[in-house]
């Protein structure tokens, strides 16, 4: 690299040296191995690429595995570098591409890059100051912002299960380059709910497990608001000169990085209107498009081999068109947005996302647990209330496991709807189908007896009681009355007005809490019902809110307290969801 640091890079080239090949690259913090005499059994995004002829390059990013230098999680971009010692992931990518096209025999001068999740982040950084030889990039489930919506935090709420588990095996000290820097962690129980409940306040994670050795955990526990640390790590402000073709890929049921692909797509479209940028969103979990058929997830069938279709009809032709000169891909024309619609189980295409033909609607909470597109007519102040107890948090899943899993993103929510600390609102049976598409936001009017609170809003498709038992898991799963989670999101109440400057609630005083739930593309069929659930814990997916305005990473056991929460639903305090309905 320009500062003298060497990055471990593995090159796989075709034996046939009679022609030139494009380079397809992945930069990863998870290891470019196997190391030594061993080699990868599969190369590229899918086997289609191995069979077609590419030079594949895998690289350990700076400070990981066998690469030199110091690692930094989601290293901030430096737009104005003044010396060769000022480096970032964009400059490391530039320098790597410059070396490859000048030193790897038989390359055709064109480079593509792809990656899923963290490698997806490194793919995005290649677009910030792209090398002229970089012609195509596919960030898949990329990280955009680790405080607002990806992985570690959603709307300021800390995703403790993911963050604890990930940082226990990743990010511990690496004194020197190594072939294995991961370590195993044993929860000591198959029940993560019990493990994290017994852990107690978050401060105990540092005291009992990390013990100050994990730099990133130290950063998380120090930077508890959207300060300069987090703002500098957002990729969105730095995508203003994107020139390679871009294929963004995401999954509607991605538990880690749904925020990333949607918001990176919007940003590139806004700041680079003439660039060739494409979006694919399918009914997938994290990286689900890269494996299997994609015909189902959990108890839900999609009736289409969505992942196979993506790999064969979208991903492979995309790179072939921009990196090769093969005749069958010369006239490569695809719609800008290819988005799977759940519920009706069909691919839909449009010139943009969200589609233009949307009608803004409001879905209001009503008395007696009703949900309606009509605003409440009650003039007097009305509300529903529930007691939230941090000692008995609402579980995020009905499964007993110490693996967070992805199934909860589409799981039957009947287990939650029966709890007294979960409010439930639903429509009558739909007489005709209705499709929600694009962004969803919640506009809640709340009060609490405490000074802080979380609010989780879940949009749910309720199946008819006579729905057939057609779960991929077998007939033992009863689909009659199934409550399919379509979208769920959390908001940490103290950030309701600013993610940088948190504010306490005034006890028993109504306050407005507005937040985004991320996009959907879902058809609620005739005979189904639309349901919304509201709760104040989602454990241990999200850490427990003490319901007292404190720095939660420094909270003690005495800070956690029960609180009564009210959701208002009448007059000027009409809690509702803002949705887009296809005309």
Protein backbone atom coordinates (compact mmCIF):
# COMPACT_ATOMS: atom_id res chain seq x y z
CA UNK A 1 0.00 0.00 0.00
CA UNK A 2 1.08 3.63 -0.37
CA UNK A 3 2.21 3.74 3.27
CA UNK A 4 4.35 0.60 2.90
CA UNK A 5 1.95 -1.83 4.59
CA UNK A 6 1.57 -5.18 2.82
CA UNK A 7 -1.84 -6.84 2.48
CA UNK A 8 -2.04 -10.61 2.13
CA UNK A 9 -3.61 -11.31 -1.27
CA UNK A 10 -4.46 -14.66 -2.84
CA UNK A 11 -4.80 -14.92 -6.63
CA UNK A 12 -6.51 -17.79 -8.47
CA UNK A 13 -5.95 -17.68 -12.25
CA UNK A 14 -7.23 -19.99 -15.02
CA UNK A 15 -4.70 -22.49 -16.36
CA UNK A 16 -5.57 -21.49 -19.91
CA UNK A 17 -3.24 -18.57 -20.62
CA UNK A 18 -4.26 -18.08 -24.26
CA UNK A 19 -6.78 -15.35 -23.43
CA UNK A 20 -7.14 -12.46 -21.00
CA UNK A 21 -9.58 -12.50 -18.11
CA UNK A 22 -11.25 -9.90 -15.90
CA UNK A 23 -10.37 -9.77 -12.21
CA UNK A 24 -13.10 -10.41 -9.66
CA UNK A 25 -12.07 -9.36 -6.19
CA UNK A 26 -13.26 -9.71 -2.61
CA UNK A 27 -11.75 -7.88 0.36
CA UNK A 28 -12.61 -9.47 3.69
CA UNK A 29 -11.86 -9.28 7.44
CA UNK A 30 -12.89 -12.95 7.80
CA UNK A 31 -9.84 -14.53 6.21
CA UNK A 32 -8.70 -14.91 2.59
CA UNK A 33 -7.56 -18.46 3.35
CA UNK A 34 -7.13 -21.32 3.44
CA UNK A 35 -3.47 -20.54 3.88
CA UNK A 36 -0.41 -22.59 3.00
CA UNK A 37 -0.73 -25.31 0.35
CA UNK A 38 -4.53 -25.54 0.59
CA UNK A 39 -6.91 -23.67 -1.70
CA UNK A 40 -10.58 -22.71 -1.94
CA UNK A 41 -12.91 -25.30 -3.40
CA UNK A 42 -15.33 -22.67 -4.72
CA UNK A 43 -14.48 -19.28 -6.16
CA UNK A 44 -16.48 -16.17 -6.92
CA UNK A 45 -20.08 -15.29 -6.08
CA UNK A 46 -21.37 -18.62 -7.48
CA UNK A 47 -20.07 -21.68 -9.38
CA UNK A 48 -21.18 -20.05 -12.62
CA UNK A 49 -18.17 -17.75 -12.44
CA UNK A 50 -15.66 -20.58 -11.94
CA UNK A 51 -16.89 -22.22 -15.10
CA UNK A 52 -16.76 -19.05 -17.17
CA UNK A 53 -13.20 -17.85 -16.70
CA UNK A 54 -12.17 -15.16 -14.24
CA UNK A 55 -9.11 -14.26 -12.23
CA UNK A 56 -10.29 -14.41 -8.60
CA UNK A 57 -8.58 -12.35 -5.92
CA UNK A 58 -9.16 -12.62 -2.16
CA UNK A 59 -7.52 -10.18 0.21
CA UNK A 60 -7.20 -9.91 3.99
CA UNK A 61 -8.01 -6.30 4.80
CA UNK A 62 -5.51 -4.26 6.76
CA UNK A 63 -4.83 -5.62 10.23
CA UNK A 64 -6.60 -8.96 9.81
CA UNK A 65 -5.24 -12.49 9.51
CA UNK A 66 -2.01 -12.39 7.45
CA UNK A 67 -2.12 -8.74 6.42
CA UNK A 68 0.07 -6.16 8.08
CA UNK A 69 -1.13 -2.95 9.70
CA UNK A 70 -3.75 -2.08 12.28
CA UNK A 71 -7.39 -3.07 11.89
CA UNK A 72 -10.17 -0.59 12.56
CA UNK A 73 -13.85 -1.51 12.48
CA UNK A 74 -15.66 0.27 9.62
CA UNK A 75 -12.64 2.52 9.19
CA UNK A 76 -13.73 6.15 8.53
CA UNK A 77 -13.24 7.51 5.02
CA UNK A 78 -10.75 10.37 4.58
CA UNK A 79 -11.91 12.44 1.59
CA UNK A 80 -8.92 14.83 1.69
CA UNK A 81 -5.75 12.81 2.10
CA UNK A 82 -2.65 14.99 2.46
CA UNK A 83 0.11 12.40 2.74
CA UNK A 84 0.81 8.79 1.87
CA UNK A 85 0.32 7.89 5.52
CA UNK A 86 -3.32 8.99 5.47
CA UNK A 87 -5.07 5.84 4.36
CA UNK A 88 -8.55 4.34 4.41
CA UNK A 89 -10.29 1.36 2.85
CA UNK A 90 -10.85 3.27 -0.38
CA UNK A 91 -7.14 3.97 -0.80
CA UNK A 92 -6.25 0.37 0.05
CA UNK A 93 -8.65 -0.80 -2.65
CA UNK A 94 -7.24 1.68 -5.19
CA UNK A 95 -3.68 0.62 -4.46
CA UNK A 96 -4.61 -3.06 -4.66
CA UNK A 97 -6.31 -2.65 -8.04
CA UNK A 98 -3.38 -0.62 -9.36
CA UNK A 99 -1.01 -3.42 -8.33
CA UNK A 100 -3.23 -6.17 -9.76
CA UNK A 101 -3.69 -4.77 -13.25
CA UNK A 102 0.05 -4.12 -13.51
CA UNK A 103 1.32 -7.37 -11.99
CA UNK A 104 -1.18 -10.19 -12.58
CA UNK A 105 -0.48 -11.77 -15.98
CA UNK A 106 -3.35 -12.29 -18.39
CA UNK A 107 -5.82 -9.75 -16.99
CA UNK A 108 -7.94 -7.70 -19.38
CA UNK A 109 -7.68 -4.45 -17.44
CA UNK A 110 -11.18 -4.67 -15.96
CA UNK A 111 -11.91 -5.30 -12.30
CA UNK A 112 -15.09 -6.19 -10.45
CA UNK A 113 -15.62 -6.40 -6.70
CA UNK A 114 -18.30 -8.04 -4.58
CA UNK A 115 -18.96 -8.98 -0.99
CA UNK A 116 -21.70 -9.86 1.50
CA UNK A 117 -22.09 -8.11 4.88
CA UNK A 118 -18.70 -6.84 6.10
CA UNK A 119 -17.12 -7.61 2.69
CA UNK A 120 -20.12 -5.70 1.33
CA UNK A 121 -18.96 -2.68 3.32
CA UNK A 122 -15.50 -2.96 1.75
CA UNK A 123 -17.18 -3.16 -1.66
CA UNK A 124 -18.93 0.14 -0.93
CA UNK A 125 -15.69 1.81 0.12
CA UNK A 126 -14.27 0.96 -3.32
CA UNK A 127 -16.94 3.29 -4.76
CA UNK A 128 -15.91 6.32 -2.72
CA UNK A 129 -12.85 7.07 -4.85
CA UNK A 130 -13.00 4.40 -7.55
CA UNK A 131 -10.01 3.26 -9.58
CA UNK A 132 -10.59 3.71 -13.35
CA UNK A 133 -10.19 -0.05 -13.89
CA UNK A 134 -13.05 -0.80 -11.49
CA UNK A 135 -16.01 -1.36 -13.80
CA UNK A 136 -18.56 -3.23 -11.69
CA UNK A 137 -19.33 -3.57 -7.99
CA UNK A 138 -21.94 -5.54 -6.12
CA UNK A 139 -22.33 -4.59 -2.45
CA UNK A 140 -24.58 -7.28 -0.96
CA UNK A 141 -26.11 -6.67 2.47
CA UNK A 142 -23.56 -3.88 2.95
CA UNK A 143 -23.13 -1.91 6.17
CA UNK A 144 -24.17 1.73 5.87
CA UNK A 145 -24.49 3.01 9.44
CA UNK A 146 -23.85 1.05 12.63
CA UNK A 147 -25.84 3.39 14.87
CA UNK A 148 -28.95 4.17 12.84
CA UNK A 149 -29.87 0.83 11.32
CA UNK A 150 -27.26 -1.87 10.67
CA UNK A 151 -26.06 -4.66 12.97
CA UNK A 152 -25.16 -3.05 16.31
CA UNK A 153 -27.89 -0.44 16.68
CA UNK A 154 -31.29 0.32 15.24
CA UNK A 155 -32.54 3.84 15.93
CA UNK A 156 -30.06 4.01 18.80
CA UNK A 157 -31.22 0.79 20.47
CA UNK A 158 -28.37 -1.64 21.12
CA UNK A 159 -28.63 -5.12 19.55
CA UNK A 160 -26.88 -6.90 22.39
CA UNK A 161 -27.24 -10.51 21.19
CA UNK A 162 -25.53 -9.80 17.86
CA UNK A 163 -22.91 -7.43 19.22
CA UNK A 164 -21.90 -9.57 22.18
CA UNK A 165 -21.70 -12.77 20.16
CA UNK A 166 -19.83 -11.20 17.24
CA UNK A 167 -17.28 -9.38 19.35
CA UNK A 168 -16.55 -12.41 21.49
CA UNK A 169 -15.08 -14.14 18.44
CA UNK A 170 -14.02 -11.13 16.36
CA UNK A 171 -11.92 -8.13 17.32
CA UNK A 172 -9.86 -9.45 20.18
CA UNK A 173 -6.17 -8.42 20.12
CA UNK A 174 -4.01 -9.69 17.23
CA UNK A 175 -0.34 -8.99 18.11
CA UNK A 176 0.97 -10.15 14.72
CA UNK A 177 -0.29 -11.56 11.39
CA UNK A 178 -1.86 -14.98 11.90
CA UNK A 179 -3.77 -17.67 10.04
CA UNK A 180 -6.48 -17.85 12.71
CA UNK A 181 -7.58 -14.87 14.79
CA UNK A 182 -11.07 -16.04 15.72
CA UNK A 183 -11.94 -17.67 19.02
CA UNK A 184 -14.88 -19.73 20.19
CA UNK A 185 -17.28 -18.72 22.94
CA UNK A 186 -19.44 -21.05 24.99
CA UNK A 187 -22.61 -19.51 26.40
CA UNK A 188 -22.82 -22.38 28.88
CA UNK A 189 -26.53 -22.76 28.14
CA UNK A 190 -28.71 -23.34 25.08
CA UNK A 191 -30.97 -20.50 26.24
CA UNK A 192 -29.71 -17.03 25.25
CA UNK A 193 -32.70 -15.38 26.93
CA UNK A 194 -31.63 -16.82 30.25
CA UNK A 195 -27.93 -16.08 29.64
CA UNK A 196 -28.46 -12.38 28.99
CA UNK A 197 -31.02 -12.03 31.76
CA UNK A 198 -28.54 -13.50 34.24
CA UNK A 199 -25.80 -11.28 32.82
CA UNK A 200 -27.66 -8.34 34.34
CA UNK A 201 -26.68 -4.76 33.43
CA UNK A 202 -24.56 -4.30 30.30
CA UNK A 203 -21.60 -3.19 32.40
CA UNK A 204 -21.21 -6.84 33.44
CA UNK A 205 -20.30 -7.82 29.88
CA UNK A 206 -17.16 -5.71 30.12
CA UNK A 207 -16.45 -6.76 33.68
CA UNK A 208 -16.96 -10.51 33.22
CA UNK A 209 -16.09 -11.16 29.57
CA UNK A 210 -14.37 -8.47 27.50
CA UNK A 211 -12.31 -7.04 30.36
CA UNK A 212 -11.20 -4.06 28.27
CA UNK A 213 -9.43 -6.21 25.68
CA UNK A 214 -11.80 -5.69 22.76
CA UNK A 215 -11.24 -2.24 21.25
CA UNK A 216 -14.55 -2.09 19.44
CA UNK A 217 -16.54 -3.11 22.52
CA UNK A 218 -14.72 -0.35 24.37
CA UNK A 219 -15.79 2.07 21.64
CA UNK A 220 -19.42 0.90 21.74
CA UNK A 221 -19.63 1.40 25.49
CA UNK A 222 -17.97 4.83 25.29
CA UNK A 223 -19.85 6.30 22.31
CA UNK A 224 -23.45 5.85 23.39
CA UNK A 225 -24.98 8.57 21.21
CA UNK A 226 -24.68 9.40 17.51
CA UNK A 227 -21.47 11.35 18.02
CA UNK A 228 -18.54 11.96 15.68
CA UNK A 229 -17.30 8.40 16.18
CA UNK A 230 -20.44 6.95 14.56
CA UNK A 231 -21.03 9.76 12.09
CA UNK A 232 -17.51 9.32 10.68
CA UNK A 233 -18.26 5.64 10.05
CA UNK A 234 -21.36 6.20 7.96
CA UNK A 235 -20.64 5.51 4.29
CA UNK A 236 -23.57 7.59 3.01
CA UNK A 237 -21.88 11.04 2.88
CA UNK A 238 -19.02 9.69 0.72
CA UNK A 239 -20.81 8.26 -2.32
CA UNK A 240 -20.72 11.35 -4.52
CA UNK A 241 -18.47 10.24 -7.39
CA UNK A 242 -19.54 6.69 -8.14
CA UNK A 243 -18.55 5.63 -11.68
CA UNK A 244 -18.60 1.78 -11.76
CA UNK A 245 -21.90 0.00 -12.43
CA UNK A 246 -23.45 -0.99 -9.10
CA UNK A 247 -25.67 -3.96 -8.23
CA UNK A 248 -27.02 -3.58 -4.69
CA UNK A 249 -28.54 -6.69 -3.15
CA UNK A 250 -30.56 -7.13 0.03
CA UNK A 251 -33.03 -9.43 1.73
CA UNK A 252 -36.42 -8.44 3.09
CA UNK A 253 -35.77 -10.71 6.06
CA UNK A 254 -32.12 -9.82 6.65
CA UNK A 255 -31.69 -9.57 10.41
CA UNK A 256 -28.32 -7.80 10.16
CA UNK A 257 -28.18 -5.37 7.25
CA UNK A 258 -31.50 -4.38 5.72
CA UNK A 259 -30.83 -0.68 6.32
CA UNK A 260 -27.60 -0.74 4.29
CA UNK A 261 -28.65 -1.74 0.76
CA UNK A 262 -31.81 0.38 0.76
CA UNK A 263 -30.13 3.54 1.97
CA UNK A 264 -26.97 3.12 -0.11
CA UNK A 265 -29.16 2.68 -3.19
CA UNK A 266 -31.11 5.87 -2.39
CA UNK A 267 -27.90 7.80 -1.77
CA UNK A 268 -26.18 6.72 -5.00
CA UNK A 269 -29.33 7.46 -6.98
CA UNK A 270 -29.62 10.93 -5.47
CA UNK A 271 -25.95 11.93 -5.74
CA UNK A 272 -25.03 10.07 -8.96
CA UNK A 273 -28.18 10.26 -11.13
CA UNK A 274 -26.49 9.18 -14.37
CA UNK A 275 -24.70 6.17 -12.90
CA UNK A 276 -25.92 2.68 -13.73
CA UNK A 277 -27.18 1.52 -10.37
CA UNK A 278 -29.46 -1.48 -9.84
CA UNK A 279 -31.32 -2.78 -6.78
CA UNK A 280 -32.44 -6.34 -6.07
CA UNK A 281 -34.45 -7.14 -2.95
CA UNK A 282 -35.58 -10.72 -2.40
CA UNK A 283 -37.30 -12.76 0.35
CA UNK A 284 -34.00 -13.69 1.91
CA UNK A 285 -32.15 -13.77 5.19
CA UNK A 286 -28.60 -12.43 5.46
CA UNK A 287 -26.78 -13.65 2.34
CA UNK A 288 -29.62 -16.06 1.50
CA UNK A 289 -29.37 -15.23 -2.21
CA UNK A 290 -25.90 -16.81 -2.38
CA UNK A 291 -26.97 -20.32 -1.36
CA UNK A 292 -29.80 -22.78 -1.81
CA UNK A 293 -32.89 -22.37 -3.95
CA UNK A 294 -34.55 -19.54 -2.01
CA UNK A 295 -38.02 -21.10 -2.31
CA UNK A 296 -38.89 -20.72 1.38
CA UNK A 297 -37.86 -19.35 4.76
CA UNK A 298 -39.04 -20.65 8.09
CA UNK A 299 -42.69 -21.62 7.77
CA UNK A 300 -43.34 -19.53 4.64
CA UNK A 301 -43.18 -20.80 1.09
CA UNK A 302 -42.35 -18.37 -1.73
CA UNK A 303 -43.23 -20.80 -4.53
CA UNK A 304 -40.29 -19.52 -6.59
CA UNK A 305 -36.60 -20.49 -6.55
CA UNK A 306 -35.68 -16.88 -5.87
CA UNK A 307 -31.99 -17.35 -5.00
CA UNK A 308 -31.27 -19.53 -8.04
CA UNK A 309 -33.01 -17.02 -10.27
CA UNK A 310 -30.94 -14.18 -8.86
CA UNK A 311 -27.63 -15.97 -9.32
CA UNK A 312 -28.38 -17.11 -12.86
CA UNK A 313 -30.47 -14.25 -14.28
CA UNK A 314 -29.09 -11.19 -12.51
CA UNK A 315 -25.73 -11.54 -10.77
CA UNK A 316 -23.88 -13.59 -13.38
CA UNK A 317 -25.06 -11.52 -16.39
CA UNK A 318 -24.28 -8.27 -14.52
CA UNK A 319 -20.59 -9.03 -14.12
CA UNK A 320 -20.36 -10.71 -17.53
CA UNK A 321 -21.74 -7.60 -19.23
CA UNK A 322 -19.46 -5.09 -17.55
CA UNK A 323 -16.27 -7.17 -17.31
CA UNK A 324 -16.36 -9.22 -20.49
CA UNK A 325 -17.22 -8.81 -24.17
CA UNK A 326 -19.34 -11.90 -24.61
CA UNK A 327 -21.96 -11.45 -27.34
CA UNK A 328 -24.90 -12.84 -25.30
CA UNK A 329 -24.46 -10.08 -22.73
CA UNK A 330 -23.85 -7.19 -25.13
CA UNK A 331 -27.45 -6.04 -24.93
CA UNK A 332 -27.76 -6.46 -21.19
CA UNK A 333 -30.90 -4.61 -20.21
CA UNK A 334 -32.50 -5.02 -16.81
CA UNK A 335 -34.91 -2.87 -14.85
CA UNK A 336 -33.36 -0.64 -12.23
CA UNK A 337 -35.28 -2.27 -9.40
CA UNK A 338 -36.13 -5.96 -9.19
CA UNK A 339 -38.07 -6.52 -5.99
CA UNK A 340 -39.81 -9.65 -4.75
CA UNK A 341 -43.30 -9.15 -3.40
CA UNK A 342 -44.08 -11.40 -0.47
CA UNK A 343 -47.65 -12.45 0.14
CA UNK A 344 -48.39 -12.70 -3.57
CA UNK A 345 -44.97 -14.35 -4.13
CA UNK A 346 -43.86 -12.73 -7.38
CA UNK A 347 -41.00 -10.66 -8.74
CA UNK A 348 -41.88 -7.08 -9.62
CA UNK A 349 -39.81 -4.60 -11.60
CA UNK A 350 -39.82 -0.82 -11.73
CA UNK A 351 -37.74 2.09 -12.93
CA UNK A 352 -36.99 3.09 -9.35
CA UNK A 353 -37.54 2.14 -5.74
CA UNK A 354 -39.88 2.84 -4.17
CA UNK A 355 -42.25 2.64 -7.16
CA UNK A 356 -43.96 5.82 -8.29
CA UNK A 357 -47.54 4.56 -8.13
CA UNK A 358 -47.90 4.70 -4.34
CA UNK A 359 -50.71 6.30 -2.41
CA UNK A 360 -49.74 7.59 1.05
CA UNK A 361 -52.11 6.20 3.70
CA UNK A 362 -52.34 6.19 7.49
CA UNK A 363 -53.21 3.10 9.50
CA UNK A 364 -54.71 4.20 12.83
CA UNK A 365 -54.93 2.41 16.18
CA UNK A 366 -58.52 2.27 17.42
CA UNK A 367 -60.48 1.29 20.52
CA UNK A 368 -60.95 -2.40 21.33
CA UNK A 369 -57.79 -3.39 19.45
CA UNK A 370 -59.06 -2.33 16.04
CA UNK A 371 -56.89 -1.08 13.18
CA UNK A 372 -58.33 1.13 10.46
CA UNK A 373 -57.47 3.52 7.63
CA UNK A 374 -60.00 5.93 9.14
CA UNK A 375 -58.85 8.40 11.78
CA UNK A 376 -60.38 7.93 15.26
CA UNK A 377 -63.55 9.93 15.80
CA UNK A 378 -63.26 10.07 19.57
CA UNK A 379 -62.75 13.62 20.78
CA UNK A 380 -61.70 12.75 24.30
CA UNK A 381 -58.23 11.54 25.18
CA UNK A 382 -58.11 7.76 24.82
CA UNK A 383 -55.26 5.32 25.19
CA UNK A 384 -54.22 1.73 25.78
CA UNK A 385 -51.65 0.91 28.43
CA UNK A 386 -49.37 -1.89 29.53
CA UNK A 387 -46.83 -2.56 32.26
CA UNK A 388 -43.27 -3.09 31.03
CA UNK A 389 -41.04 -4.99 33.44
CA UNK A 390 -37.28 -5.26 32.60
CA UNK A 391 -37.16 -8.38 34.77
CA UNK A 392 -39.64 -10.11 32.42
CA UNK A 393 -38.84 -8.76 28.94
CA UNK A 394 -40.80 -9.84 25.88
CA UNK A 395 -38.77 -12.46 23.97
CA UNK A 396 -37.98 -11.76 20.34
CA UNK A 397 -38.58 -15.41 19.41
CA UNK A 398 -40.46 -18.43 20.66
CA UNK A 399 -37.41 -20.65 20.12
CA UNK A 400 -34.93 -21.68 22.81
CA UNK A 401 -31.46 -21.17 21.32
CA UNK A 402 -28.10 -19.51 21.86
CA UNK A 403 -27.89 -18.82 18.12
CA UNK A 404 -29.73 -15.62 17.26
CA UNK A 405 -30.83 -17.06 13.92
CA UNK A 406 -32.78 -15.29 11.18
CA UNK A 407 -36.14 -17.03 11.49
CA UNK A 408 -37.55 -14.42 13.86
CA UNK A 409 -37.78 -11.97 10.96
CA UNK A 410 -40.69 -13.99 9.54
CA UNK A 411 -41.79 -15.92 12.65
CA UNK A 412 -45.33 -16.55 13.89
CA UNK A 413 -46.04 -13.83 16.47
CA UNK A 414 -48.85 -15.55 18.39
CA UNK A 415 -46.47 -16.19 21.28
CA UNK A 416 -46.06 -12.42 21.74
CA UNK A 417 -49.66 -11.39 21.09
CA UNK A 418 -50.81 -13.35 24.14
CA UNK A 419 -48.65 -11.42 26.59
CA UNK A 420 -50.21 -8.62 28.66
CA UNK A 421 -47.27 -6.31 27.89
CA UNK A 422 -47.92 -6.43 24.13
CA UNK A 423 -50.66 -4.31 22.58
CA UNK A 424 -52.43 -5.79 19.57
CA UNK A 425 -54.41 -3.96 16.88
CA UNK A 426 -55.89 -5.62 13.80
CA UNK A 427 -58.25 -4.98 10.92
CA UNK A 428 -61.32 -6.98 10.01
CA UNK A 429 -60.85 -9.65 7.36
CA UNK A 430 -59.83 -7.96 4.13
CA UNK A 431 -62.45 -8.11 1.39
CA UNK A 432 -59.81 -7.55 -1.29
CA UNK A 433 -56.02 -7.73 -1.36
CA UNK A 434 -53.90 -4.69 -0.58
CA UNK A 435 -50.17 -4.17 -1.17
CA UNK A 436 -47.84 -2.09 1.00
CA UNK A 437 -44.65 -0.98 -0.75
CA UNK A 438 -41.74 1.29 0.11
CA UNK A 439 -40.91 2.91 3.44
CA UNK A 440 -43.03 2.54 6.56
CA UNK A 441 -42.87 4.84 9.56
CA UNK A 442 -44.52 4.84 12.96
CA UNK A 443 -45.97 7.99 14.48
CA UNK A 444 -46.70 7.19 18.11
CA UNK A 445 -48.07 9.39 20.86
CA UNK A 446 -46.95 7.91 24.16
CA UNK A 447 -46.44 8.59 27.82
CA UNK A 448 -44.59 6.67 30.49
CA UNK A 449 -44.21 6.68 34.23
CA UNK A 450 -40.46 6.38 33.68
CA UNK A 451 -37.99 8.72 31.94
CA UNK A 452 -36.91 6.44 29.07
CA UNK A 453 -38.51 3.60 27.12
CA UNK A 454 -38.16 1.54 23.98
CA UNK A 455 -41.01 1.13 21.53
CA UNK A 456 -41.11 -1.83 19.16
CA UNK A 457 -43.65 -1.78 16.34
CA UNK A 458 -44.39 -4.93 14.35
CA UNK A 459 -46.41 -5.15 11.12
CA UNK A 460 -48.00 -8.60 10.79
CA UNK A 461 -49.98 -10.57 8.19
CA UNK A 462 -52.63 -12.69 9.93
CA UNK A 463 -53.60 -15.79 7.97
CA UNK A 464 -57.20 -17.09 7.82
CA UNK A 465 -58.15 -19.77 10.33
CA UNK A 466 -58.59 -22.26 7.49
CA UNK A 467 -55.15 -21.66 5.93
CA UNK A 468 -53.62 -24.95 4.74
CA UNK A 469 -50.82 -26.48 6.79
CA UNK A 470 -48.23 -26.12 4.02
CA UNK A 471 -45.20 -25.10 6.08
CA UNK A 472 -41.86 -26.43 4.77
CA UNK A 473 -41.36 -27.64 8.35
CA UNK A 474 -44.25 -30.09 8.00
CA UNK A 475 -47.96 -30.37 8.79
CA UNK A 476 -47.29 -30.15 12.54
CA UNK A 477 -47.04 -26.38 12.03
CA UNK A 478 -50.57 -25.00 12.15
CA UNK A 479 -50.89 -22.17 9.64
CA UNK A 480 -54.49 -21.32 10.53
CA UNK A 481 -54.29 -17.92 12.27
CA UNK A 482 -50.53 -17.72 11.65
CA UNK A 483 -49.20 -14.23 12.46
CA UNK A 484 -46.39 -13.69 9.95
CA UNK A 485 -43.99 -10.91 10.89
CA UNK A 486 -43.63 -8.65 7.84
CA UNK A 487 -41.57 -5.90 9.45
CA UNK A 488 -40.48 -5.03 12.97
CA UNK A 489 -38.34 -2.22 14.32
CA UNK A 490 -37.32 -0.63 17.60
CA UNK A 491 -36.91 2.98 18.68
CA UNK A 492 -35.03 4.01 21.81
CA UNK A 493 -37.30 6.72 23.16
CA UNK A 494 -34.64 9.09 24.44
CA UNK A 495 -33.47 9.58 20.83
CA UNK A 496 -36.93 10.59 19.59
CA UNK A 497 -35.85 14.17 18.84
CA UNK A 498 -32.13 13.68 18.18
CA UNK A 499 -29.77 10.72 17.96
CA UNK A 500 -26.94 12.97 19.13
CA UNK A 501 -28.70 14.68 22.04
CA UNK A 502 -30.94 12.27 23.96
CA UNK A 503 -33.76 13.65 26.10
CA UNK A 504 -35.65 12.10 29.00
CA UNK A 505 -39.41 11.71 28.96
CA UNK A 506 -41.34 13.81 31.41
CA UNK A 507 -43.27 11.22 33.44
CA UNK A 508 -46.95 10.96 32.51
CA UNK A 509 -46.66 13.68 29.86
CA UNK A 510 -47.60 12.70 26.27
CA UNK A 511 -44.78 12.85 23.73
CA UNK A 512 -44.53 12.09 20.03
CA UNK A 513 -42.18 9.30 18.94
CA UNK A 514 -41.62 8.99 15.17
CA UNK A 515 -39.33 6.48 13.51
CA UNK A 516 -38.77 4.44 10.35
CA UNK A 517 -39.45 0.71 10.15
CA UNK A 518 -37.60 0.07 6.82
CA UNK A 519 -39.24 -0.75 3.51
CA UNK A 520 -41.59 -3.58 2.66
CA UNK A 521 -43.14 -5.03 -0.48
CA UNK A 522 -45.97 -7.23 0.73
CA UNK A 523 -49.47 -8.15 -0.38
CA UNK A 524 -52.08 -8.85 2.29
CA UNK A 525 -54.49 -11.18 0.55
CA UNK A 526 -58.29 -11.18 0.77
CA UNK A 527 -59.41 -13.06 3.86
CA UNK A 528 -56.25 -12.10 5.77
CA UNK A 529 -56.00 -9.41 8.45
CA UNK A 530 -53.44 -6.66 9.01
CA UNK A 531 -52.09 -6.58 12.56
CA UNK A 532 -49.81 -4.22 14.46
CA UNK A 533 -48.18 -5.17 17.76
CA UNK A 534 -46.54 -2.68 20.12
CA UNK A 535 -44.23 -3.60 22.99
CA UNK A 536 -41.28 -2.16 24.91
CA UNK A 537 -38.80 -5.03 24.96
CA UNK A 538 -37.49 -7.46 22.34
CA UNK A 539 -35.08 -9.56 24.32
CA UNK A 540 -32.28 -10.50 24.05
CA UNK A 541 -32.20 -9.21 20.49
CA UNK A 542 -32.22 -5.69 21.96
CA UNK A 543 -30.74 -4.87 25.35
CA UNK A 544 -33.14 -4.08 28.19
CA UNK A 545 -34.00 -0.43 28.65
CA UNK A 546 -33.87 0.42 32.40
CA UNK A 547 -36.81 2.81 31.72
CA UNK A 548 -34.77 5.42 33.52
CA UNK A 549 -32.84 8.12 31.66
CA UNK A 550 -29.25 6.93 32.19
CA UNK A 551 -26.22 5.85 30.19
CA UNK A 552 -27.37 2.25 29.79
CA UNK A 553 -23.82 0.92 29.55
CA UNK A 554 -23.19 2.32 33.02
CA UNK A 555 -26.56 1.44 34.51
CA UNK A 556 -26.67 -0.61 37.72
CA UNK A 557 -29.24 -3.21 38.71
CA UNK A 558 -30.99 -0.59 40.86
CA UNK A 559 -31.62 1.58 37.78
CA UNK A 560 -33.96 -0.98 36.18
CA UNK A 561 -37.60 -0.43 37.06
CA UNK A 562 -41.12 -1.25 35.95
CA UNK A 563 -42.98 1.44 34.03
CA UNK A 564 -46.49 1.96 32.77
CA UNK A 565 -46.64 2.98 29.11
CA UNK A 566 -49.63 4.50 27.33
CA UNK A 567 -50.27 4.55 23.58
CA UNK A 568 -52.71 7.31 22.70
CA UNK A 569 -55.23 6.76 19.90
CA UNK A 570 -57.71 9.62 19.62
CA UNK A 571 -58.10 13.28 18.78
CA UNK A 572 -54.83 15.15 18.25
CA UNK A 573 -52.92 12.18 19.73
CA UNK A 574 -53.77 9.62 17.06
CA UNK A 575 -51.00 7.00 16.92
CA UNK A 576 -50.66 5.44 13.47
CA UNK A 577 -48.39 3.99 10.79
CA UNK A 578 -47.56 5.85 7.60
CA UNK A 579 -47.51 3.46 4.67
CA UNK A 580 -47.49 3.48 0.89
CA UNK A 581 -50.30 1.54 -0.81
CA UNK A 582 -49.98 0.49 -4.44
CA UNK A 583 -52.71 2.06 -6.51
